[in-house]
Amino acid sequence: MSNDAIHVVCPHCDSVNRIPRLRVSEQPNCGRCHKGLFLGQVIELRDNQFSQHIDRNDLPVVVDFWAPWCGPCKAMGPAFNEAARSLEPRVRLAKLNTETQQATASRYGIRSIPTMIVFRQGREVARQAGAMSAVDIVRWVNGQI
């Protein structure tokens, strides 16, 4: 990774954008679809795009593995969204529905939900199972990056 630029995957079209590091906080747009790269909200990932977002982002990516039938997952949803507003553009927050995206959930051995995993440069660097408040999510993520 260059000291003066980072790669950011667009949450809309999945293209990789090279952004000057000093301009990340200036709400840059995607070079392909021209939509904002940072939304201040959680993005939903699917099996077919998961690797692109994990492997090609120079930003750390925190993924919440969840399911719609899971009470603690639903309870943590608003807190995860609030954490996204606090952590972007330094960190990308995403979620993956383990019911519909079973290949990726299986690949990472997700046994209980919600489970959050921090990825950096395509590698898992930390994992946390169980629902957390927004403050606790931000604190945990900041401690991992």
Protein backbone atom coordinates (compact mmCIF):
# COMPACT_ATOMS: atom_id res chain seq x y z
CA MET A 1 0.00 0.00 0.00
CA SER A 2 1.34 3.39 -0.99
CA ASN A 3 1.74 6.04 1.70
CA ASP A 4 -0.02 8.63 -0.43
CA ALA A 5 -3.00 6.65 -1.78
CA ILE A 6 -5.32 3.85 -0.71
CA HIS A 7 -7.63 1.49 -2.57
CA VAL A 8 -11.31 1.66 -1.67
CA VAL A 9 -13.96 -0.67 -3.11
CA CYS A 10 -17.14 1.10 -4.14
CA PRO A 11 -20.18 -0.03 -2.10
CA HIS A 12 -22.40 0.50 -5.17
CA CYS A 13 -20.57 -1.05 -8.16
CA ASP A 14 -17.73 -2.99 -6.47
CA SER A 15 -15.02 -1.24 -8.51
CA VAL A 16 -11.67 -0.48 -6.90
CA ASN A 17 -10.83 3.21 -6.58
CA ARG A 18 -7.41 4.70 -5.83
CA ILE A 19 -7.90 7.66 -3.48
CA PRO A 20 -5.21 10.03 -2.21
CA ARG A 21 -4.95 9.33 1.51
CA LEU A 22 -5.36 13.02 2.36
CA ARG A 23 -8.64 13.22 0.41
CA VAL A 24 -10.43 10.26 2.02
CA SER A 25 -12.29 12.54 4.44
CA GLU A 26 -13.49 14.78 1.57
CA GLN A 27 -16.34 12.42 0.58
CA PRO A 28 -14.81 11.13 -2.68
CA ASN A 29 -16.95 9.57 -5.42
CA CYS A 30 -16.39 6.37 -7.37
CA GLY A 31 -14.59 6.83 -10.66
CA ARG A 32 -16.92 4.37 -12.37
CA CYS A 33 -20.46 4.97 -11.05
CA HIS A 34 -19.80 8.46 -9.56
CA LYS A 35 -21.64 7.65 -6.34
CA GLY A 36 -20.19 8.33 -2.88
CA LEU A 37 -17.58 5.88 -1.64
CA PHE A 38 -18.40 6.52 2.00
CA LEU A 39 -22.02 6.35 3.07
CA GLY A 40 -21.70 6.38 6.85
CA GLN A 41 -23.76 3.20 6.85
CA VAL A 42 -23.33 -0.55 6.75
CA ILE A 43 -23.13 -2.20 3.33
CA GLU A 44 -24.69 -5.60 2.57
CA LEU A 45 -22.29 -8.15 1.06
CA ARG A 46 -23.06 -11.26 -0.98
CA ASP A 47 -20.95 -14.36 -1.61
CA ASN A 48 -20.02 -13.24 -5.13
CA GLN A 49 -18.60 -9.88 -4.04
CA PHE A 50 -17.23 -10.71 -0.59
CA SER A 51 -13.63 -11.35 -1.65
CA GLN A 52 -13.49 -8.13 -3.69
CA HIS A 53 -14.40 -6.04 -0.64
CA ILE A 54 -12.16 -7.95 1.78
CA ASP A 55 -9.10 -8.47 -0.41
CA ARG A 56 -9.00 -5.23 -2.42
CA ASN A 57 -9.84 -2.63 0.26
CA ASP A 58 -6.88 -1.01 1.95
CA LEU A 59 -9.31 0.01 4.68
CA PRO A 60 -10.01 -2.46 7.46
CA VAL A 61 -13.40 -4.11 6.90
CA VAL A 62 -15.57 -5.26 9.80
CA VAL A 63 -18.19 -7.83 8.80
CA ASP A 64 -21.21 -8.66 10.93
CA PHE A 65 -22.33 -12.22 10.16
CA TRP A 66 -26.04 -12.30 11.04
CA ALA A 67 -29.43 -13.85 10.18
CA PRO A 68 -32.91 -12.29 10.06
CA TRP A 69 -34.37 -14.82 12.52
CA CYS A 70 -31.70 -14.08 15.18
CA GLY A 71 -32.99 -11.87 18.01
CA PRO A 72 -29.55 -10.66 19.19
CA CYS A 73 -28.62 -9.93 15.56
CA LYS A 74 -31.71 -7.77 15.09
CA ALA A 75 -31.06 -6.03 18.40
CA MET A 76 -27.45 -5.25 17.41
CA GLY A 77 -28.37 -3.95 13.92
CA PRO A 78 -28.99 -0.31 14.94
CA ALA A 79 -25.81 -0.31 17.06
CA PHE A 80 -23.77 -1.63 14.11
CA ASN A 81 -25.25 1.12 11.90
CA GLU A 82 -24.37 3.74 14.51
CA ALA A 83 -20.82 2.37 14.72
CA ALA A 84 -20.52 2.71 10.92
CA ARG A 85 -21.30 6.41 11.17
CA SER A 86 -18.54 6.79 13.78
CA LEU A 87 -15.88 4.67 12.08
CA GLU A 88 -16.11 5.66 8.41
CA PRO A 89 -14.02 6.60 6.46
CA ARG A 90 -11.26 4.91 8.50
CA VAL A 91 -13.07 1.56 8.55
CA ARG A 92 -15.72 -0.03 6.30
CA LEU A 93 -18.57 -1.86 8.09
CA ALA A 94 -20.48 -4.55 6.24
CA LYS A 95 -22.91 -7.31 7.02
CA LEU A 96 -23.47 -10.74 5.53
CA ASN A 97 -26.71 -12.70 5.91
CA THR A 98 -25.63 -16.24 6.85
CA GLU A 99 -28.98 -17.67 5.72
CA THR A 100 -28.72 -16.51 2.12
CA GLN A 101 -24.93 -16.32 1.78
CA GLN A 102 -24.03 -19.70 3.21
CA ALA A 103 -20.82 -20.28 1.22
CA THR A 104 -19.02 -17.36 2.82
CA ALA A 105 -20.40 -18.11 6.29
CA SER A 106 -19.16 -21.69 5.93
CA ARG A 107 -15.77 -20.56 4.62
CA TYR A 108 -15.19 -18.56 7.81
CA GLY A 109 -16.60 -21.22 10.13
CA ILE A 110 -19.40 -19.10 11.52
CA ARG A 111 -21.00 -21.20 14.27
CA SER A 112 -22.84 -18.57 16.30
CA ILE A 113 -24.36 -15.26 15.35
CA PRO A 114 -23.93 -12.42 15.54
CA THR A 115 -20.21 -12.75 14.90
CA MET A 116 -18.06 -9.81 13.85
CA ILE A 117 -14.76 -10.30 12.05
CA VAL A 118 -12.19 -7.59 11.36
CA PHE A 119 -10.35 -8.09 8.06
CA ARG A 120 -7.23 -6.21 7.09
CA GLN A 121 -5.54 -6.65 3.72
CA GLY A 122 -7.63 -9.78 3.09
CA ARG A 123 -6.75 -11.50 6.37
CA GLU A 124 -8.85 -12.05 9.46
CA VAL A 125 -7.26 -10.17 12.34
CA ALA A 126 -9.93 -10.41 15.06
CA ARG A 127 -13.24 -12.10 15.79
CA GLN A 128 -15.96 -11.38 18.35
CA ALA A 129 -19.17 -13.34 18.92
CA GLY A 130 -22.25 -11.87 20.58
CA ALA A 131 -24.25 -8.67 20.39
CA MET A 132 -22.60 -5.41 21.42
CA SER A 133 -23.62 -1.78 21.86
CA ALA A 134 -22.41 0.87 19.41
CA VAL A 135 -19.90 2.21 21.94
CA ASP A 136 -18.54 -1.29 22.54
CA ILE A 137 -18.32 -2.01 18.80
CA VAL A 138 -16.36 1.20 18.18
CA ARG A 139 -14.08 0.51 21.14
CA TRP A 140 -13.47 -3.10 20.03
CA VAL A 141 -12.79 -2.12 16.40
CA ASN A 142 -10.43 0.70 17.41
CA GLY A 143 -8.55 -1.79 19.59
CA GLN A 144 -8.08 -4.12 16.61
CA ILE A 145 -6.88 -1.61 14.05
